[in-house]
Protein backbone atom coordinates (compact mmCIF):
# COMPACT_ATOMS: atom_id res chain seq x y z
CA MET A 1 47.35 -30.34 51.94
CA ALA A 2 48.04 -27.07 54.37
CA PHE A 3 49.78 -24.23 52.88
CA ALA A 4 50.88 -20.97 54.06
CA THR A 5 50.53 -17.93 52.06
CA PRO A 6 53.65 -15.88 51.16
CA SER A 7 53.15 -13.71 53.76
CA GLY A 8 52.72 -16.17 56.22
CA GLU A 9 49.93 -14.85 57.94
CA VAL A 10 47.15 -17.58 56.92
CA THR A 11 46.88 -21.04 56.25
CA ARG A 12 44.62 -22.40 52.97
CA TRP A 13 44.27 -26.10 52.33
CA VAL A 14 44.45 -26.86 48.51
CA ALA A 15 43.62 -30.17 47.10
CA ALA A 16 46.54 -32.40 46.44
CA GLU A 17 46.32 -31.92 42.93
CA ASP A 18 46.99 -28.80 43.13
CA ALA A 19 50.10 -29.02 45.23
CA PRO A 20 52.27 -28.40 42.94
CA ARG A 21 51.61 -25.06 41.71
CA TRP A 22 51.51 -23.79 45.39
CA ARG A 23 54.73 -25.12 45.96
CA ASP A 24 56.39 -23.41 43.29
CA TRP A 25 54.83 -20.26 44.04
CA ALA A 26 55.63 -19.99 47.95
CA GLY A 27 58.91 -21.28 47.02
CA ALA A 28 60.24 -19.03 44.28
CA ARG A 29 57.40 -17.10 43.52
CA ASP A 30 57.74 -17.77 39.94
CA ALA A 31 55.51 -15.42 37.47
CA GLY A 32 54.47 -18.80 35.49
CA ALA A 33 52.71 -20.11 38.53
CA ALA A 34 51.13 -17.00 39.55
CA ALA A 35 49.73 -17.03 35.99
CA ASP A 36 48.74 -20.51 36.04
CA ILE A 37 47.05 -20.11 39.61
CA THR A 38 44.68 -17.36 38.16
CA ARG A 39 44.35 -19.18 34.90
CA HIS A 40 43.11 -22.19 37.28
CA GLN A 41 41.09 -20.20 39.17
CA LEU A 42 39.40 -17.86 36.38
CA ARG A 43 38.33 -21.93 34.86
CA ARG A 44 36.74 -23.20 38.19
CA ARG A 45 35.05 -19.87 39.14
CA ALA A 46 32.49 -17.42 37.65
CA PHE A 47 34.13 -14.05 38.30
CA VAL A 48 37.57 -13.29 39.73
CA THR A 49 38.92 -10.08 40.89
CA ALA A 50 42.16 -9.05 41.50
CA ASP A 51 41.53 -8.16 45.02
CA GLU A 52 39.92 -11.91 45.48
CA LEU A 53 43.42 -13.19 44.71
CA HIS A 54 45.07 -11.18 47.13
CA GLN A 55 42.89 -11.98 49.94
CA ARG A 56 42.02 -15.36 48.72
CA TYR A 57 45.69 -16.71 47.89
CA GLY A 58 47.94 -14.22 49.04
CA LEU A 59 48.77 -12.84 45.72
CA GLY A 60 50.30 -9.27 45.67
CA LEU A 61 47.70 -6.81 44.44
CA GLU A 62 49.90 -5.71 41.21
CA ASP A 63 50.94 -9.33 40.39
CA ALA A 64 46.93 -10.43 40.61
CA ARG A 65 46.09 -7.94 38.11
CA THR A 66 49.25 -8.43 35.57
CA ALA A 67 48.16 -12.16 35.67
CA LEU A 68 44.44 -11.41 34.80
CA ASP A 69 45.19 -9.11 31.96
CA GLU A 70 47.65 -11.19 30.83
CA ALA A 71 45.01 -13.59 30.18
CA VAL A 72 42.65 -10.78 28.86
CA LYS A 73 45.79 -10.67 25.96
CA ALA A 74 45.50 -14.16 25.55
CA GLY A 75 41.96 -14.75 25.07
CA ALA A 76 42.03 -16.47 28.31
CA ALA A 77 39.48 -14.20 29.90
CA ILE A 78 36.87 -11.51 29.63
CA ARG A 79 37.45 -8.17 31.63
CA PHE A 80 34.10 -6.46 32.62
CA GLY A 81 34.26 -3.23 34.50
CA ALA A 82 34.28 0.67 34.26
CA PRO A 83 36.96 2.45 32.50
CA GLY A 84 39.44 4.14 35.07
CA SER A 85 38.66 1.71 37.75
CA PRO A 86 40.79 -0.72 38.28
CA GLU A 87 39.47 -1.87 41.46
CA LEU A 88 35.68 -2.46 40.08
CA ASP A 89 36.88 -4.98 37.46
CA ARG A 90 35.97 -8.36 37.38
CA TYR A 91 37.75 -10.98 35.44
CA ALA A 92 35.45 -14.41 33.79
CA ASP A 93 36.32 -17.58 32.02
CA PRO A 94 34.31 -16.74 28.06
CA ARG A 95 32.56 -19.73 28.56
CA HIS A 96 31.19 -18.88 31.75
CA ALA A 97 30.88 -15.37 30.46
CA ASP A 98 28.49 -16.37 27.91
CA ALA A 99 26.80 -18.67 30.35
CA ALA A 100 26.03 -15.95 32.86
CA TYR A 101 24.95 -13.68 29.28
CA ARG A 102 22.68 -16.48 28.33
CA ILE A 103 21.00 -16.31 31.79
CA THR A 104 20.77 -12.92 32.10
CA LEU A 105 18.95 -12.55 28.58
CA THR A 106 16.52 -15.82 29.51
CA MET A 107 15.65 -13.95 32.90
CA ALA A 108 15.00 -10.61 30.48
CA ARG A 109 12.84 -12.26 28.06
CA SER A 110 10.54 -13.99 30.93
CA GLU A 111 9.71 -10.40 32.20
CA ALA A 112 6.74 -9.43 30.51
CA ASP A 113 3.64 -11.76 29.18
CA PRO A 114 3.31 -11.62 25.55
CA ALA A 115 1.39 -9.45 23.75
CA SER A 116 -2.01 -10.48 21.69
CA PRO A 117 -2.56 -9.64 17.78
CA GLU A 118 -4.74 -7.32 18.67
CA GLU A 119 -2.00 -5.41 20.93
CA PHE A 120 0.88 -5.61 18.46
CA CYS A 121 -1.64 -4.25 15.73
CA ARG A 122 -2.35 -1.38 17.92
CA PHE A 123 1.58 -1.29 18.60
CA LEU A 124 1.85 -1.75 14.97
CA LEU A 125 -0.52 1.25 13.74
CA ARG A 126 1.46 4.06 16.48
CA TRP A 127 4.95 2.26 15.49
CA GLN A 128 4.12 3.05 11.69
CA CYS A 129 2.75 6.55 12.01
CA VAL A 130 -1.31 5.29 11.41
CA SER A 131 -2.24 6.20 14.44
CA PRO A 132 -3.82 9.38 15.01
CA ARG A 133 -1.54 9.59 18.00
CA THR A 134 1.61 9.23 15.86
CA ARG A 135 0.82 10.56 12.81
CA ARG A 136 3.13 13.12 10.87
CA SER A 137 2.60 16.33 8.91
CA GLY A 138 4.07 18.34 6.31
CA LEU A 139 7.54 17.88 4.02
CA GLU A 140 9.64 16.71 7.07
CA GLY A 141 7.08 14.08 8.25
CA LEU A 142 6.71 12.33 4.72
CA ALA A 143 10.27 12.30 4.57
CA ASP A 144 10.45 10.68 7.49
CA VAL A 145 7.48 8.27 6.76
CA LEU A 146 9.35 7.39 3.28
CA VAL A 147 12.62 6.19 4.86
CA GLN A 148 10.68 3.75 7.89
CA LEU A 149 8.79 2.33 4.55
CA GLN A 150 11.90 2.20 1.60
CA GLY A 151 11.98 -1.28 -0.34
CA ARG A 152 8.96 -2.03 0.46
CA PRO A 153 7.08 -2.47 -3.01
CA LEU A 154 2.85 -1.93 -3.18
CA PRO A 155 0.71 -1.38 -5.61
CA PHE A 156 1.31 2.14 -7.50
CA SER A 157 -2.30 3.37 -6.86
CA VAL A 158 -2.20 2.27 -2.92
CA TRP A 159 0.55 4.58 -2.26
CA GLU A 160 -1.19 8.00 -3.13
CA ALA A 161 -4.76 6.43 -2.22
CA ALA A 162 -4.31 4.90 0.91
CA VAL A 163 -0.98 4.76 2.38
CA LEU A 164 0.48 8.42 2.57
CA PRO A 165 -2.72 10.08 3.53
CA ALA A 166 -2.75 7.97 6.16
CA ARG A 167 0.18 8.67 7.91
CA VAL A 168 0.45 12.31 6.60
CA ARG A 169 -2.17 14.91 7.80
CA ASP A 170 -3.50 16.55 4.74
CA TYR A 171 -1.22 14.74 2.54
CA SER A 172 -0.19 16.56 -0.53
CA PRO A 173 1.07 14.99 -3.89
CA SER A 174 2.87 18.04 -4.80
CA TRP A 175 5.58 17.06 -1.40
CA LEU A 176 6.26 13.83 -2.92
CA ASP A 177 6.90 15.29 -6.16
CA GLU A 178 9.62 17.80 -4.26
CA LEU A 179 11.24 15.07 -2.56
CA CYS A 180 11.93 12.86 -5.65
CA SER A 181 13.06 16.01 -7.88
CA GLY A 182 15.31 17.34 -5.01
CA GLY A 183 17.39 14.02 -4.76
CA LEU A 184 16.36 13.33 -1.55
CA VAL A 185 14.18 10.09 -2.05
CA ALA A 186 14.21 8.36 -5.51
CA TRP A 187 11.23 5.00 -6.68
CA ARG A 188 11.76 2.22 -8.92
CA GLY A 189 8.73 0.31 -10.38
CA LEU A 190 8.79 -3.54 -9.97
CA PRO A 191 6.66 -5.80 -11.93
CA GLY A 192 3.16 -6.98 -10.40
CA PRO A 193 0.84 -9.95 -10.27
CA GLY A 194 -0.95 -8.52 -13.62
CA PRO A 195 0.12 -6.27 -16.39
CA SER A 196 -1.66 -3.54 -15.28
CA ASP A 197 -1.04 -4.15 -11.46
CA GLY A 198 2.93 -2.65 -10.97
CA ARG A 199 4.19 -2.25 -7.71
CA ILE A 200 6.63 1.08 -6.50
CA ALA A 201 9.31 0.86 -3.85
CA PHE A 202 10.70 4.25 -2.35
CA TYR A 203 14.37 4.64 -1.69
CA ARG A 204 17.03 7.20 -0.43
CA ARG A 205 18.66 7.75 -3.01
CA GLU A 206 21.85 5.99 -1.86
CA ASN A 207 20.27 2.88 -1.22
CA LEU A 208 18.51 2.66 -4.65
CA ALA A 209 20.71 0.08 -6.24
CA ARG A 210 22.07 -1.85 -3.18
CA TRP A 211 18.11 -2.02 -1.77
CA ALA A 212 16.63 -2.87 -5.25
CA PRO A 213 16.26 -6.43 -5.65
CA ALA A 214 18.02 -8.00 -8.07
CA GLY A 215 17.28 -10.50 -10.96
CA VAL A 216 14.56 -8.57 -12.62
CA ASP A 217 13.91 -9.35 -16.56
CA ALA A 218 15.19 -6.16 -19.04
CA THR A 219 12.31 -5.38 -20.91
CA GLU A 220 12.67 -7.37 -24.78
CA GLY A 221 12.12 -6.05 -28.33
CA ASP A 222 14.35 -3.71 -30.87
CA VAL A 223 12.48 -0.23 -29.65
CA PRO A 224 13.47 -0.85 -25.43
CA GLU A 225 17.00 -1.66 -26.62
CA ARG A 226 17.46 1.43 -28.80
CA VAL A 227 15.72 3.80 -25.83
CA ARG A 228 18.08 1.51 -23.41
CA GLY A 229 21.03 3.11 -25.55
CA ALA A 230 20.15 6.21 -25.76
CA LEU A 231 19.67 6.81 -22.21
CA ARG A 232 23.17 5.37 -21.64
CA ARG A 233 24.40 7.81 -24.27
CA LEU A 234 22.41 11.07 -23.22
CA GLY A 235 22.09 10.65 -19.32
CA PRO A 236 18.54 11.89 -17.84
CA SER A 237 16.54 13.35 -20.85
CA PHE A 238 13.32 14.26 -21.97
CA LEU A 239 11.04 12.31 -24.26
CA ALA A 240 11.75 14.44 -27.18
CA ASP A 241 15.64 14.11 -26.45
CA ILE A 242 15.29 10.11 -26.51
CA ALA A 243 12.99 9.90 -29.68
CA ALA A 244 15.44 11.52 -31.85
CA GLU A 245 18.32 9.99 -30.18
CA ALA A 246 16.89 6.71 -30.55
CA GLY A 247 15.38 6.99 -34.19
CA VAL A 248 11.76 6.10 -32.89
CA SER A 249 8.84 8.00 -33.06
CA ALA A 250 7.83 9.83 -29.82
CA HIS A 251 5.10 7.40 -29.36
CA GLU A 252 6.42 4.44 -29.47
CA THR A 253 9.74 5.61 -26.71
CA LEU A 254 6.70 6.57 -24.59
CA GLY A 255 5.28 2.89 -24.29
CA ALA A 256 8.87 1.49 -24.59
CA LEU A 257 9.33 3.62 -21.45
CA TRP A 258 6.81 3.16 -19.97
CA ASP A 259 7.79 -1.03 -19.93
CA MET A 260 10.75 -0.65 -18.87
CA MET A 261 9.39 1.71 -16.11
CA TRP A 262 7.51 -1.70 -14.91
CA HIS A 263 10.76 -3.74 -14.84
CA GLY A 264 12.94 -0.89 -12.63
CA GLU A 265 14.69 -0.03 -15.15
CA VAL A 266 13.76 3.82 -15.62
CA ALA A 267 11.83 6.26 -13.66
CA GLN A 268 11.03 9.97 -13.54
CA ASP A 269 12.52 12.90 -11.69
CA ASP A 270 8.90 12.59 -9.80
CA PHE A 271 6.00 11.02 -9.44
CA ARG A 272 3.60 12.51 -11.94
CA ALA A 273 4.01 10.17 -14.76
CA VAL A 274 2.70 7.15 -12.48
CA ARG A 275 -0.14 9.43 -11.04
CA ARG A 276 -1.61 10.42 -14.27
CA GLY A 277 -1.18 6.85 -15.39
CA ARG A 278 -0.19 5.14 -18.54
CA PRO A 279 -1.38 6.70 -21.77
CA ASP A 280 -3.04 4.08 -23.94
CA GLU A 281 -2.07 4.23 -27.98
CA ALA A 282 -4.31 7.37 -28.75
CA GLU A 283 -2.91 9.26 -25.99
CA ALA A 284 0.54 8.17 -26.58
CA ARG A 285 0.16 9.37 -30.44
CA GLN A 286 -1.31 12.49 -29.55
CA ILE A 287 1.45 13.33 -27.38
CA GLY A 288 4.11 12.45 -30.05
CA ALA A 289 2.19 14.55 -32.22
CA ARG A 290 2.50 17.74 -30.09
CA LEU A 291 5.69 17.35 -29.68
CA ALA A 292 6.35 17.50 -33.29
CA VAL A 293 4.36 20.50 -34.07
CA GLY A 294 6.18 22.40 -31.10
CA GLY A 295 3.06 23.92 -29.63
CA ALA A 296 0.83 24.27 -32.31
CA ARG A 297 -2.87 25.13 -31.32
CA GLY A 298 -1.95 25.44 -27.96
CA GLY A 299 -1.68 21.34 -27.42
CA PHE A 300 2.10 21.30 -26.70
CA LEU A 301 1.92 21.74 -22.93
CA GLY A 302 -0.26 18.43 -22.85
CA ALA A 303 3.15 16.54 -23.76
CA ALA A 304 5.23 18.36 -20.98
CA MET A 305 6.88 15.75 -19.00
CA PRO A 306 9.69 15.15 -16.42
CA ARG A 307 13.21 13.87 -18.03
CA TRP A 308 13.48 10.10 -17.23
CA SER A 309 16.91 8.12 -16.48
CA LEU A 310 18.59 4.62 -16.50
CA LEU A 311 18.07 3.26 -13.13
CA PRO A 312 21.11 1.04 -12.11
CA PRO A 313 20.31 -3.19 -11.68
CA GLY A 314 19.30 -3.88 -8.33
CA GLN A 315 21.85 -5.96 -6.34
CA LEU A 316 19.57 -7.27 -3.32
CA ASP A 317 19.16 -10.90 -3.83
CA ALA A 318 19.67 -13.99 -1.11
CA GLU A 319 23.48 -14.67 -2.32
CA ALA A 320 24.02 -10.50 -1.83
CA PHE A 321 22.32 -10.69 1.34
CA THR A 322 24.63 -13.89 2.75
CA SER A 323 28.23 -13.02 1.45
CA ASP A 324 27.93 -8.97 2.25
CA ARG A 325 28.16 -9.05 6.30
CA THR A 326 27.36 -4.80 5.72
CA LEU A 327 24.46 -5.24 3.87
CA ALA A 328 22.85 -8.03 6.06
CA GLU A 329 23.25 -5.95 8.89
CA THR A 330 22.09 -2.66 7.32
CA VAL A 331 18.74 -4.46 5.86
CA GLY A 332 18.53 -6.03 9.32
CA TRP A 333 18.11 -2.99 10.83
CA LEU A 334 16.06 -1.18 7.85
CA LEU A 335 13.56 -3.83 8.60
CA LEU A 336 13.20 -3.63 12.35
CA ALA A 337 12.79 -0.17 12.23
CA ARG A 338 9.80 -0.76 10.06
CA ASN A 339 8.30 -3.08 12.10
CA GLY A 340 9.64 -2.53 15.89
CA ILE A 341 9.90 -6.84 15.88
CA MET A 342 10.97 -8.97 13.48
CA ALA A 343 10.32 -12.56 13.10
CA ARG A 344 9.74 -15.36 10.14
CA GLY A 345 6.10 -14.29 10.36
CA LEU A 346 6.81 -10.93 9.39
CA LEU A 347 9.63 -11.50 6.87
CA GLU A 348 7.14 -13.52 4.75
CA ALA A 349 5.00 -10.14 4.36
CA GLU A 350 7.71 -7.73 3.66
CA ASP A 351 7.51 -9.64 0.26
CA VAL A 352 11.77 -9.28 0.03
CA PRO A 353 13.83 -11.92 -1.02
CA LEU A 354 15.69 -12.87 1.79
CA PRO A 355 16.54 -15.85 3.84
CA TRP A 356 15.52 -16.04 7.83
CA GLY A 357 18.08 -17.76 8.42
CA ALA A 358 20.83 -15.31 7.56
CA LEU A 359 18.89 -12.73 8.65
CA TYR A 360 18.11 -14.87 11.83
CA ASP A 361 22.02 -15.08 12.42
CA VAL A 362 21.97 -11.09 12.04
CA TYR A 363 20.37 -10.33 14.53
CA GLN A 364 21.67 -13.05 16.54
CA ARG A 365 25.09 -11.32 16.78
CA LEU A 366 23.01 -7.84 17.45
CA GLU A 367 21.57 -9.75 20.09
CA MET A 368 25.31 -10.58 21.58
CA GLN A 369 26.36 -6.86 21.26
CA GLY A 370 23.69 -5.56 23.29
CA LYS A 371 21.65 -3.87 20.50
CA VAL A 372 18.42 -5.74 19.99
CA ALA A 373 16.71 -7.76 22.19
CA ARG A 374 15.29 -11.58 21.60
CA GLY A 375 11.98 -12.85 23.55
CA TYR A 376 8.91 -13.78 23.09
CA PHE A 377 7.06 -10.34 22.30
CA VAL A 378 4.13 -11.51 20.18
CA ALA A 379 1.65 -14.58 21.09
CA GLY A 380 0.99 -16.33 17.35
CA LEU A 381 4.26 -15.33 15.69
CA GLU A 382 6.11 -18.97 15.53
CA GLY A 383 9.98 -19.00 15.79
CA ALA A 384 12.74 -16.28 17.74
CA GLN A 385 11.39 -12.83 17.86
CA PHE A 386 13.95 -9.71 18.00
CA ALA A 387 13.23 -6.53 18.57
CA LEU A 388 14.37 -3.13 19.28
CA PRO A 389 14.72 -1.72 22.79
CA GLU A 390 12.26 1.00 22.46
CA ALA A 391 9.75 -0.96 20.52
CA ALA A 392 10.04 -3.56 23.04
CA ASP A 393 9.45 -0.99 25.79
CA ALA A 394 6.23 0.73 23.46
CA LEU A 395 4.69 -2.70 23.21
CA ARG A 396 4.82 -3.35 27.13
CA GLY A 397 2.90 0.49 27.08
CA VAL A 398 0.62 -0.69 25.03
CA GLN A 399 -0.32 -3.70 26.74
CA THR A 400 -0.34 -2.01 30.14
CA GLU A 401 -2.92 0.97 28.80
CA SER A 402 -6.33 1.64 30.36
CA ASP A 403 -7.70 4.29 27.73
CA ARG A 404 -7.96 2.12 24.65
CA GLU A 405 -11.21 3.92 23.42
CA ALA A 406 -9.91 7.15 22.59
CA GLU A 407 -7.77 6.46 19.30
CA GLY A 408 -10.88 4.94 17.73
CA PRO A 409 -11.09 3.10 14.70
CA VAL A 410 -8.68 3.33 11.43
CA LEU A 411 -9.29 2.44 7.68
CA LEU A 412 -6.73 0.23 6.29
CA ASN A 413 -5.80 -0.52 3.13
CA THR A 414 -5.33 -4.71 3.00
CA CYS A 415 -1.85 -3.80 1.18
CA ASP A 416 -0.51 -1.49 3.79
CA PRO A 417 2.17 -2.48 5.54
CA ALA A 418 0.59 -1.27 9.36
CA ASN A 419 -1.80 -4.49 8.38
CA PRO A 420 -0.76 -7.76 9.96
CA TYR A 421 -3.92 -9.59 9.09
CA GLY A 422 -4.84 -11.25 5.78
CA ALA A 423 -4.00 -13.77 3.21
CA GLY A 424 0.06 -13.93 3.96
CA ALA A 425 0.38 -12.39 6.58
CA PRO A 426 0.62 -13.40 10.28
CA TRP A 427 -3.16 -13.10 11.07
CA ALA A 428 -6.35 -14.49 9.30
CA VAL A 429 -9.10 -12.44 9.01
CA THR A 430 -11.72 -13.69 10.83
CA ASP A 431 -15.54 -12.80 11.83
CA ALA A 432 -17.26 -13.01 15.34
CA SER A 433 -17.77 -16.62 15.51
CA GLY A 434 -14.11 -17.27 15.10
CA ALA A 435 -14.63 -18.82 11.54
CA GLU A 436 -12.23 -17.22 8.88
CA VAL A 437 -13.27 -14.92 6.66
CA PRO A 438 -11.13 -15.30 2.88
CA CYS A 439 -9.14 -11.58 2.62
CA HIS A 440 -6.84 -10.95 -0.15
CA ARG A 441 -4.23 -8.39 0.08
CA ASN A 442 -5.36 -6.24 -2.91
CA ARG A 443 -6.03 -2.53 -3.66
CA GLN A 444 -9.97 -3.06 -3.66
CA ASN A 445 -9.99 -4.58 -0.20
CA SER A 446 -10.29 -2.27 3.37
CA LEU A 447 -9.98 -2.94 6.75
CA VAL A 448 -11.71 -1.12 9.44
CA VAL A 449 -9.20 -1.67 12.63
CA ASP A 450 -10.31 -0.91 15.75
CA GLN A 451 -8.98 -1.32 19.10
CA GLY A 452 -6.01 -3.57 17.11
CA ARG A 453 -9.17 -5.80 15.47
CA PRO A 454 -10.16 -6.08 12.45
CA ALA A 455 -14.43 -4.93 12.05
CA LEU A 456 -15.33 -4.75 9.15
CA LEU A 457 -13.93 -5.68 5.52
CA ILE A 458 -14.88 -3.59 3.03
CA GLU A 459 -14.68 -5.18 -0.81
CA TRP A 460 -14.83 -2.04 -2.76
CA GLY A 461 -14.80 -4.45 -6.26
CA ALA A 462 -17.75 -6.49 -4.92
CA GLU A 463 -19.07 -3.56 -3.17
CA ARG A 464 -19.84 -5.75 0.54
CA VAL A 465 -19.22 -5.01 3.43
CA THR A 466 -18.62 -7.46 6.14
CA ALA A 467 -19.37 -7.31 9.36
CA LEU A 468 -16.61 -9.01 11.77
CA VAL A 469 -17.66 -8.28 15.36
CA PRO A 470 -20.59 -8.05 16.82
CA SER A 471 -21.96 -4.94 16.19
CA ASP A 472 -25.80 -2.67 16.42
CA GLU A 473 -26.49 0.27 14.88
CA THR A 474 -24.08 2.85 17.07
CA SER A 475 -21.26 0.84 16.88
CA LEU A 476 -22.15 0.05 13.18
CA ARG A 477 -22.09 4.17 12.72
CA ARG A 478 -18.38 4.66 14.93
CA LEU A 479 -17.32 1.85 12.61
CA LEU A 480 -18.40 4.10 9.55
CA LEU A 481 -16.95 7.17 10.33
CA PRO A 482 -12.85 6.55 8.90
CA VAL A 483 -14.94 5.50 5.64
CA ARG A 484 -16.92 8.52 5.39
CA GLU A 485 -13.49 10.49 6.22
CA ALA A 486 -12.09 8.96 3.33
CA LEU A 487 -14.86 9.80 1.36
CA GLU A 488 -15.13 13.32 1.76
CA SER A 489 -11.27 13.99 2.11
CA PRO A 490 -10.55 17.12 -0.08
CA SER A 491 -6.87 15.93 -0.92
CA ALA A 492 -6.28 15.20 -4.50
CA ALA A 493 -5.22 11.97 -3.10
CA ARG A 494 -7.84 10.50 -1.28
CA SER A 495 -8.94 6.97 -0.75
CA ALA A 496 -11.94 6.76 -2.60
CA ARG A 497 -14.72 9.08 -3.86
CA ARG A 498 -17.57 6.82 -4.45
CA LEU A 499 -18.63 3.74 -2.51
CA ARG A 500 -21.82 1.08 -3.61
CA VAL A 501 -22.41 -1.26 -1.11
CA VAL A 502 -24.56 -3.89 -2.32
CA ARG A 503 -24.38 -7.02 0.05
CA PHE A 504 -23.89 -6.88 3.55
CA GLY A 505 -22.52 -10.17 4.41
CA ASP A 506 -23.95 -13.04 2.26
CA ALA A 507 -27.80 -11.14 2.72
CA PRO A 508 -29.00 -7.70 0.34
CA VAL A 509 -27.44 -4.19 2.46
CA LEU A 510 -31.29 -3.01 2.17
CA HIS A 511 -33.19 -3.76 5.22
CA SER A 512 -30.01 -4.77 6.89
CA PRO A 513 -28.88 -3.47 9.99
CA ILE A 514 -26.09 -1.61 8.50
CA GLU A 515 -28.87 -0.03 6.11
CA PRO A 516 -29.69 2.92 8.70
CA PRO A 517 -26.15 3.87 9.61
CA LEU A 518 -24.99 4.00 6.04
CA ARG A 519 -28.05 6.08 5.32
CA ASP A 520 -27.22 8.45 8.15
CA ALA A 521 -23.47 8.54 6.90
CA GLY A 522 -25.05 9.81 3.41
CA PHE A 523 -25.48 6.71 1.31
CA GLN A 524 -28.62 7.16 -1.12
CA SER A 525 -30.37 3.86 -2.63
CA ASP A 526 -29.90 3.37 -5.99
CA GLY A 527 -32.69 0.59 -6.11
CA GLN A 528 -30.32 -2.35 -5.56
CA GLY A 529 -28.22 -1.09 -3.02
CA LEU A 530 -27.01 2.10 -1.06
CA VAL A 531 -24.04 4.48 -3.05
CA TYR A 532 -22.16 7.43 -1.39
CA VAL A 533 -20.78 10.02 -3.87
CA GLY A 534 -18.14 12.19 -2.77
CA LEU A 535 -15.86 14.84 -3.74
CA PRO A 536 -14.81 14.85 -7.50
CA ARG A 537 -12.02 13.20 -8.52
CA PRO A 538 -9.61 14.71 -10.01
CA ALA A 539 -9.17 14.52 -13.96
CA LYS A 540 -6.84 12.37 -16.02
CA GLY A 541 -4.31 14.84 -16.14
CA SER A 542 -4.71 17.37 -13.40
CA ASP A 543 -1.77 18.65 -11.82
CA ALA A 544 -1.12 17.74 -8.49
CA GLU A 545 -3.60 19.28 -6.12
CA GLY A 546 -6.07 17.87 -8.22
CA TRP A 547 -7.16 20.84 -10.42
CA PRO A 548 -7.70 19.62 -14.16
CA THR A 549 -5.48 20.97 -16.44
CA PRO A 550 -6.83 23.58 -19.23
CA ARG A 551 -7.26 21.94 -22.08
CA PRO A 552 -9.39 24.27 -25.13
CA ALA A 553 -12.48 22.00 -26.09
CA PRO A 554 -13.07 21.84 -29.55
CA ARG A 555 -15.65 24.37 -31.11
CA GLY A 556 -18.88 23.10 -30.70
CA THR A 557 -18.80 20.85 -27.87
CA VAL A 558 -19.24 21.05 -23.79
CA PRO A 559 -16.54 20.00 -21.35
CA LYS A 560 -17.46 17.05 -19.40
CA LEU A 561 -16.93 17.91 -16.19
CA PRO A 562 -14.13 15.91 -14.11
CA TYR A 563 -16.44 14.29 -11.34
CA PRO A 564 -19.84 11.92 -11.69
CA ARG A 565 -23.43 12.62 -12.85
CA PRO A 566 -25.25 12.75 -9.38
CA PRO A 567 -27.03 9.44 -8.58
CA GLY A 568 -30.58 8.89 -9.52
CA ARG A 569 -30.85 11.09 -12.41
CA ARG A 570 -30.58 10.07 -16.04
CA ARG A 571 -30.37 12.08 -18.97
CA GLY A 572 -33.63 12.39 -21.02
CA LYS A 573 -36.01 10.14 -18.19
CA GLY A 574 -39.49 11.32 -17.64
CA ARG A 575 -39.14 13.71 -20.83
CA ARG A 576 -40.21 13.41 -24.34
CA GLN A 577 -37.40 13.56 -26.78
CA GLY A 578 -36.40 17.12 -27.57
CA GLN A 579 -37.39 18.41 -24.64
CA GLY A 580 -35.57 20.93 -22.39
CA PRO A 581 -34.52 20.46 -19.01
CA PRO A 582 -37.41 21.35 -16.40
């Protein structure tokens, strides 16, 4: 049917079923009819503007804007535009807006090809400050690294032996003690796979309870219960005060505190206790005796240690994560800040009690808000993938760069959060033929990663090195550079002091292709294998910089040196009994 606009200047053709609306508007100019026409056009068109309603349907500009604003208030339309520029405003039905947004997201996701696992590994090394290009330095750098890794439990010996030195240049254990004692960082012990494999996680102090895992069983027994009650009454206290308040001997109190520490119940002001290691029964009794005598015989300093504090129980579990939206979003941001990209396979490697379904809902809400991107960023990661916009840009930068030889190989402990290879990780370790090589993520295994691909597998306990890529003597020398740097590092927290290699793959290391590069790196033969002895290991009870704590030696004895005897020399070999050294 043909209708003239209210001005009479233009004739419009409309469908017969819409004639009553136009007849009401043309005759009475009813506001309700104008609103009805506006909503009708919103349902039929993707986007509608006030000027379009004015030009096409004869509505006055103010009438059209009023009708569109009323539709927004009623939830029938969504406004898109710049504040202060109403002439640029566009309006859309919520269903059309959602469809347009999904189409836009689909186009954005298909812009780039997915990265390979090797490219993702190179990105992750840079993102977590392991790459020489992005390593941090100093106390502030250490604080940033701990914030990025907070909540990730790792074997206690790996933190200062491999993880922190890999990220912070010239790492000093005193920096960690300063951050802990200053209240900026707190740590919590967690049970490990074995009685001597406890784990440690670091947190910002305000996140210590909310982000720590819940459901860890308390230490059972009469002594732990007394110690627990003493700490509740006293607050943070020294060992002697806790023992006196609990009515238990000092060495029994110390043993209970260590058991409670690995159940996440107590911690100290700094990291010295964990660094020294748990005292055995004889050492614990000796510490108790020193506290009892109050400094007699000059042994009182050996009993000095920081205060012990009772920790609040952990609150993070699947139920809290699904019921507390704020907590869920906070943890979701934490995981993105650590990895840059998140997917189901990466969450499984995080070792946190969170369901992927709940985390998926969090990231989907953040995607609809435009805060994170969704796409197929990394090949081989199944399911949905979400990324920070800056992480997606950094990954594309890794894919397009041409100078890939500048970074060089990197030594990674297999437990390192920047390692995406091995058991429990997204990708398996394979050799040059593509066959899978068993690689357990434990503190005794390390990988030399070159250009994002595992190139050498070093099993410190099994005394074996396995080449994972085709290698000649020249390339093996290059791959061994980070291993030698770790052995020669002057840091008190260096990752290793001695490495013995007996086998190269399944063959003896002697007369193998890697023997000349190992000898050139300083390894010496001991008859069965090749041994490298680096700088001396700090003695048990040494200070933060690795110097042994002075202790008076008993009369008539010679103090033992805190480093191993050089290889190839045995006491008494080649000499008659009683003969002095040559």
